[in-house]
Amino acid sequence: MKIAFGSIDAIADTVARWKPDGVIAFHNPNFPPPFASPVPLLSIAFHDDERPRMGRTPPAHRHVAAIIAFINQHQPSRLMCVCTAGLSRSVAAAIVVAVHSGVEPEAACQAVLQACNRAQPNRLLLGWGDYVLDKVIAPVAMKTFDYRRDTEGAVTGDRVPFAELGELSR
């Protein structure tokens, strides 16, 4: 499976150019995704938080379970993961999907880092990936990536329009 990630702002161009056959879109609960997908779409609403905060929806077990169910049901050969900035939630999902597909966590994190050295995958979502997949993903990510987060998630104003993971070895 080929996996790419990026900003939700660039999704229309990315779908037209890269032609994924599956899209996972993350958005804040108050803002639905601003596009309709011509391919199977999983839309997941939670805030880009790494710890519970009053009045906000953090990543949870059910979100990783939905990602895995979507992959198992649709079996995309080209998966696009998008979120607000393309740096955190979408990146964490790309890593979880790669690990679910048989890639070792270290290799998945290195592939993301090579595709985008500004990536800051959401550690809480990765932690739930640890639990659901019975793998050690979040600690590997914490050693791999340079985390520079603010209170709203990945560094505000920074965006990744599109990044494709290189060849993933199992």
C-alpha atoms as a PDB file:
ATOM      1  CA  MET A   1       0.000   0.000   0.000  1.00  0.00           C
ATOM      2  CA  LYS A   2       1.203   3.521  -0.787  1.00  0.00           C
ATOM      3  CA  ILE A   3       0.501   6.052   1.940  1.00  0.00           C
ATOM      4  CA  ALA A   4       0.554   9.832   1.737  1.00  0.00           C
ATOM      5  CA  PHE A   5      -0.385  12.583   4.152  1.00  0.00           C
ATOM      6  CA  GLY A   6      -0.987  16.297   4.005  1.00  0.00           C
ATOM      7  CA  SER A   7      -3.081  19.329   4.786  1.00  0.00           C
ATOM      8  CA  ILE A   8      -6.823  19.196   4.345  1.00  0.00           C
ATOM      9  CA  ASP A   9      -6.498  22.489   2.399  1.00  0.00           C
ATOM     10  CA  ALA A  10      -4.806  20.624  -0.456  1.00  0.00           C
ATOM     11  CA  ILE A  11      -7.108  17.592  -0.580  1.00  0.00           C
ATOM     12  CA  ALA A  12      -8.960  18.450  -3.799  1.00  0.00           C
ATOM     13  CA  ASP A  13      -5.712  18.877  -5.757  1.00  0.00           C
ATOM     14  CA  THR A  14      -4.165  15.832  -4.129  1.00  0.00           C
ATOM     15  CA  VAL A  15      -7.119  13.561  -4.917  1.00  0.00           C
ATOM     16  CA  ALA A  16      -7.108  14.747  -8.546  1.00  0.00           C
ATOM     17  CA  ARG A  17      -3.333  14.401  -8.958  1.00  0.00           C
ATOM     18  CA  TRP A  18      -2.320  11.449  -6.747  1.00  0.00           C
ATOM     19  CA  LYS A  19      -5.595   9.495  -7.191  1.00  0.00           C
ATOM     20  CA  PRO A  20      -5.937   7.737  -3.834  1.00  0.00           C
ATOM     21  CA  ASP A  21      -8.532   4.993  -3.527  1.00  0.00           C
ATOM     22  CA  GLY A  22      -9.092   5.734   0.158  1.00  0.00           C
ATOM     23  CA  VAL A  23      -9.018   8.921   2.256  1.00  0.00           C
ATOM     24  CA  ILE A  24      -8.911   9.345   6.020  1.00  0.00           C
ATOM     25  CA  ALA A  25      -9.735  12.945   6.994  1.00  0.00           C
ATOM     26  CA  PHE A  26      -9.260  14.366  10.487  1.00  0.00           C
ATOM     27  CA  HIS A  27     -10.947  17.584  11.518  1.00  0.00           C
ATOM     28  CA  ASN A  28     -11.906  19.423  14.663  1.00  0.00           C
ATOM     29  CA  PRO A  29     -15.384  18.517  15.954  1.00  0.00           C
ATOM     30  CA  ASN A  30     -16.775  21.992  15.217  1.00  0.00           C
ATOM     31  CA  PHE A  31     -15.578  22.024  11.603  1.00  0.00           C
ATOM     32  CA  PRO A  32     -16.659  19.257   9.219  1.00  0.00           C
ATOM     33  CA  PRO A  33     -14.270  18.381   6.389  1.00  0.00           C
ATOM     34  CA  PRO A  34     -14.572  20.965   3.581  1.00  0.00           C
ATOM     35  CA  PHE A  35     -14.784  18.478   0.711  1.00  0.00           C
ATOM     36  CA  ALA A  36     -16.697  15.538  -0.666  1.00  0.00           C
ATOM     37  CA  SER A  37     -14.554  12.586  -1.619  1.00  0.00           C
ATOM     38  CA  PRO A  38     -15.089  10.617  -4.840  1.00  0.00           C
ATOM     39  CA  VAL A  39     -13.410   7.627  -3.115  1.00  0.00           C
ATOM     40  CA  PRO A  40     -14.119   5.852   0.182  1.00  0.00           C
ATOM     41  CA  LEU A  41     -13.741   8.404   2.971  1.00  0.00           C
ATOM     42  CA  LEU A  42     -13.397   7.991   6.717  1.00  0.00           C
ATOM     43  CA  SER A  43     -14.032  11.291   8.473  1.00  0.00           C
ATOM     44  CA  ILE A  44     -12.877  11.439  12.101  1.00  0.00           C
ATOM     45  CA  ALA A  45     -13.509  14.397  14.405  1.00  0.00           C
ATOM     46  CA  PHE A  46     -11.248  15.097  17.370  1.00  0.00           C
ATOM     47  CA  HIS A  47      -8.949  17.877  18.497  1.00  0.00           C
ATOM     48  CA  ASP A  48      -5.204  17.610  17.954  1.00  0.00           C
ATOM     49  CA  ASP A  49      -4.600  17.236  21.678  1.00  0.00           C
ATOM     50  CA  GLU A  50      -2.150  14.931  23.383  1.00  0.00           C
ATOM     51  CA  ARG A  51      -3.855  14.993  26.765  1.00  0.00           C
ATOM     52  CA  PRO A  52      -7.481  15.376  27.821  1.00  0.00           C
ATOM     53  CA  ARG A  53      -8.608  19.009  28.164  1.00  0.00           C
ATOM     54  CA  MET A  54     -11.924  20.389  29.352  1.00  0.00           C
ATOM     55  CA  GLY A  55     -14.412  20.913  26.548  1.00  0.00           C
ATOM     56  CA  ARG A  56     -12.262  19.204  23.904  1.00  0.00           C
ATOM     57  CA  THR A  57     -12.312  15.805  22.241  1.00  0.00           C
ATOM     58  CA  PRO A  58      -8.934  14.036  22.336  1.00  0.00           C
ATOM     59  CA  PRO A  59      -7.908  11.022  20.222  1.00  0.00           C
ATOM     60  CA  ALA A  60      -9.379   7.803  21.613  1.00  0.00           C
ATOM     61  CA  HIS A  61      -9.366   4.041  21.201  1.00  0.00           C
ATOM     62  CA  ARG A  62     -12.453   4.240  18.977  1.00  0.00           C
ATOM     63  CA  HIS A  63     -10.607   6.443  16.474  1.00  0.00           C
ATOM     64  CA  VAL A  64      -7.795   3.936  15.933  1.00  0.00           C
ATOM     65  CA  ALA A  65     -10.350   1.114  15.792  1.00  0.00           C
ATOM     66  CA  ALA A  66     -12.230   3.030  13.062  1.00  0.00           C
ATOM     67  CA  ILE A  67      -9.007   3.536  11.082  1.00  0.00           C
ATOM     68  CA  ILE A  68      -8.178  -0.182  11.214  1.00  0.00           C
ATOM     69  CA  ALA A  69     -11.762  -1.156  10.303  1.00  0.00           C
ATOM     70  CA  PHE A  70     -11.685   1.247   7.321  1.00  0.00           C
ATOM     71  CA  ILE A  71      -8.390  -0.224   6.067  1.00  0.00           C
ATOM     72  CA  ASN A  72      -9.634  -3.799   6.510  1.00  0.00           C
ATOM     73  CA  GLN A  73     -12.940  -3.060   4.773  1.00  0.00           C
ATOM     74  CA  HIS A  74     -11.700  -1.013   1.798  1.00  0.00           C
ATOM     75  CA  GLN A  75      -8.132  -2.339   1.427  1.00  0.00           C
ATOM     76  CA  PRO A  76      -6.896   0.760  -0.405  1.00  0.00           C
ATOM     77  CA  SER A  77      -3.748   0.514  -2.497  1.00  0.00           C
ATOM     78  CA  ARG A  78      -3.242   4.308  -2.284  1.00  0.00           C
ATOM     79  CA  LEU A  79      -4.282   5.860   1.025  1.00  0.00           C
ATOM     80  CA  MET A  80      -4.316   9.612   1.677  1.00  0.00           C
ATOM     81  CA  CYS A  81      -4.474  10.833   5.287  1.00  0.00           C
ATOM     82  CA  VAL A  82      -5.297  14.517   5.820  1.00  0.00           C
ATOM     83  CA  CYS A  83      -5.706  16.883   8.775  1.00  0.00           C
ATOM     84  CA  THR A  84      -5.628  20.626   9.303  1.00  0.00           C
ATOM     85  CA  ALA A  85      -1.868  21.092   8.901  1.00  0.00           C
ATOM     86  CA  GLY A  86      -0.824  17.675   7.602  1.00  0.00           C
ATOM     87  CA  LEU A  87       1.698  17.411  10.449  1.00  0.00           C
ATOM     88  CA  SER A  88       0.103  15.581  13.373  1.00  0.00           C
ATOM     89  CA  ARG A  89      -3.154  13.602  13.178  1.00  0.00           C
ATOM     90  CA  SER A  90      -2.710  12.565   9.542  1.00  0.00           C
ATOM     91  CA  VAL A  91       0.928  11.624  10.178  1.00  0.00           C
ATOM     92  CA  ALA A  92       0.008   9.521  13.218  1.00  0.00           C
ATOM     93  CA  ALA A  93      -2.656   7.742  11.163  1.00  0.00           C
ATOM     94  CA  ALA A  94      -0.157   7.064   8.359  1.00  0.00           C
ATOM     95  CA  ILE A  95       2.212   5.474  10.881  1.00  0.00           C
ATOM     96  CA  VAL A  96      -0.567   3.392  12.486  1.00  0.00           C
ATOM     97  CA  VAL A  97      -1.732   2.167   9.063  1.00  0.00           C
ATOM     98  CA  ALA A  98       1.818   1.285   8.018  1.00  0.00           C
ATOM     99  CA  VAL A  99       2.365  -0.680  11.249  1.00  0.00           C
ATOM    100  CA  HIS A 100      -1.013  -2.403  10.825  1.00  0.00           C
ATOM    101  CA  SER A 101       0.149  -3.382   7.313  1.00  0.00           C
ATOM    102  CA  GLY A 102       3.214  -5.137   8.744  1.00  0.00           C
ATOM    103  CA  VAL A 103       5.837  -2.377   8.731  1.00  0.00           C
ATOM    104  CA  GLU A 104       7.940  -2.131  11.893  1.00  0.00           C
ATOM    105  CA  PRO A 105       7.317   1.061  13.907  1.00  0.00           C
ATOM    106  CA  GLU A 106      10.922   2.233  13.421  1.00  0.00           C
ATOM    107  CA  ALA A 107      10.677   1.871   9.632  1.00  0.00           C
ATOM    108  CA  ALA A 108       7.290   3.627   9.540  1.00  0.00           C
ATOM    109  CA  CYS A 109       8.585   6.558  11.609  1.00  0.00           C
ATOM    110  CA  GLN A 110      11.744   6.854   9.508  1.00  0.00           C
ATOM    111  CA  ALA A 111       9.697   6.846   6.274  1.00  0.00           C
ATOM    112  CA  VAL A 112       7.545   9.694   7.615  1.00  0.00           C
ATOM    113  CA  LEU A 113      10.607  11.619   8.780  1.00  0.00           C
ATOM    114  CA  GLN A 114      12.187  11.292   5.321  1.00  0.00           C
ATOM    115  CA  ALA A 115       8.949  12.440   3.672  1.00  0.00           C
ATOM    116  CA  CYS A 116       8.599  15.442   6.008  1.00  0.00           C
ATOM    117  CA  ASN A 117      11.135  16.378   8.651  1.00  0.00           C
ATOM    118  CA  ARG A 118       8.608  18.792  10.251  1.00  0.00           C
ATOM    119  CA  ALA A 119       6.162  15.972  11.053  1.00  0.00           C
ATOM    120  CA  GLN A 120       4.963  15.767  14.657  1.00  0.00           C
ATOM    121  CA  PRO A 121       2.646  12.749  14.850  1.00  0.00           C
ATOM    122  CA  ASN A 122       0.036  12.988  17.573  1.00  0.00           C
ATOM    123  CA  ARG A 123       1.444  10.937  20.448  1.00  0.00           C
ATOM    124  CA  LEU A 124      -1.932  10.182  22.015  1.00  0.00           C
ATOM    125  CA  LEU A 125      -3.256   8.712  18.759  1.00  0.00           C
ATOM    126  CA  LEU A 126      -0.014   6.712  18.446  1.00  0.00           C
ATOM    127  CA  GLY A 127      -0.457   5.532  22.030  1.00  0.00           C
ATOM    128  CA  TRP A 128      -3.875   4.180  21.163  1.00  0.00           C
ATOM    129  CA  GLY A 129      -2.220   2.557  18.138  1.00  0.00           C
ATOM    130  CA  ASP A 130       0.168   0.853  20.581  1.00  0.00           C
ATOM    131  CA  TYR A 131      -2.811  -0.517  22.467  1.00  0.00           C
ATOM    132  CA  VAL A 132      -4.941  -1.597  19.484  1.00  0.00           C
ATOM    133  CA  LEU A 133      -2.092  -3.132  17.465  1.00  0.00           C
ATOM    134  CA  ASP A 134      -0.116  -4.445  20.470  1.00  0.00           C
ATOM    135  CA  LYS A 135       3.014  -2.696  19.179  1.00  0.00           C
ATOM    136  CA  VAL A 136       5.385  -0.053  20.565  1.00  0.00           C
ATOM    137  CA  ILE A 137       4.812   2.967  18.325  1.00  0.00           C
ATOM    138  CA  ALA A 138       4.563   6.115  20.483  1.00  0.00           C
ATOM    139  CA  PRO A 139       7.944   5.661  22.249  1.00  0.00           C
ATOM    140  CA  VAL A 140       9.625   5.122  18.871  1.00  0.00           C
ATOM    141  CA  ALA A 141       8.023   8.301  17.520  1.00  0.00           C
ATOM    142  CA  MET A 142       9.146  10.274  20.561  1.00  0.00           C
ATOM    143  CA  LYS A 143      12.757   9.291  19.776  1.00  0.00           C
ATOM    144  CA  THR A 144      12.370   9.958  16.035  1.00  0.00           C
ATOM    145  CA  PHE A 145      10.590  13.305  15.739  1.00  0.00           C
ATOM    146  CA  ASP A 146      11.339  16.842  16.955  1.00  0.00           C
ATOM    147  CA  TYR A 147       8.146  17.829  18.756  1.00  0.00           C
ATOM    148  CA  ARG A 148       7.401  21.590  18.717  1.00  0.00           C
ATOM    149  CA  ARG A 149       3.727  21.730  19.602  1.00  0.00           C
ATOM    150  CA  ASP A 150       1.587  24.571  20.840  1.00  0.00           C
ATOM    151  CA  THR A 151      -1.705  24.297  22.715  1.00  0.00           C
ATOM    152  CA  GLU A 152      -3.658  23.628  19.520  1.00  0.00           C
ATOM    153  CA  GLY A 153      -1.432  20.839  18.178  1.00  0.00           C
ATOM    154  CA  ALA A 154       1.317  21.038  15.585  1.00  0.00           C
ATOM    155  CA  VAL A 155       3.010  24.400  15.154  1.00  0.00           C
ATOM    156  CA  THR A 156       0.377  26.922  14.091  1.00  0.00           C
ATOM    157  CA  GLY A 157       0.716  28.256  10.558  1.00  0.00           C
ATOM    158  CA  ASP A 158       2.916  25.402   9.355  1.00  0.00           C
ATOM    159  CA  ARG A 159       1.310  23.257   6.627  1.00  0.00           C
ATOM    160  CA  VAL A 160       2.335  20.245   4.552  1.00  0.00           C
ATOM    161  CA  PRO A 161       0.330  20.166   1.314  1.00  0.00           C
ATOM    162  CA  PHE A 162       1.440  16.639   0.352  1.00  0.00           C
ATOM    163  CA  ALA A 163       4.056  14.086   1.382  1.00  0.00           C
ATOM    164  CA  GLU A 164       4.298  10.504   0.221  1.00  0.00           C
ATOM    165  CA  LEU A 165       5.985   7.786   2.225  1.00  0.00           C
ATOM    166  CA  GLY A 166       8.809   6.073   0.387  1.00  0.00           C
ATOM    167  CA  GLU A 167       9.046   2.329  -0.050  1.00  0.00           C
ATOM    168  CA  LEU A 168       8.041   0.657   3.194  1.00  0.00           C
ATOM    169  CA  SER A 169       9.799  -2.591   4.041  1.00  0.00           C
ATOM    170  CA  ARG A 170       8.150  -5.172   6.241  1.00  0.00           C
END
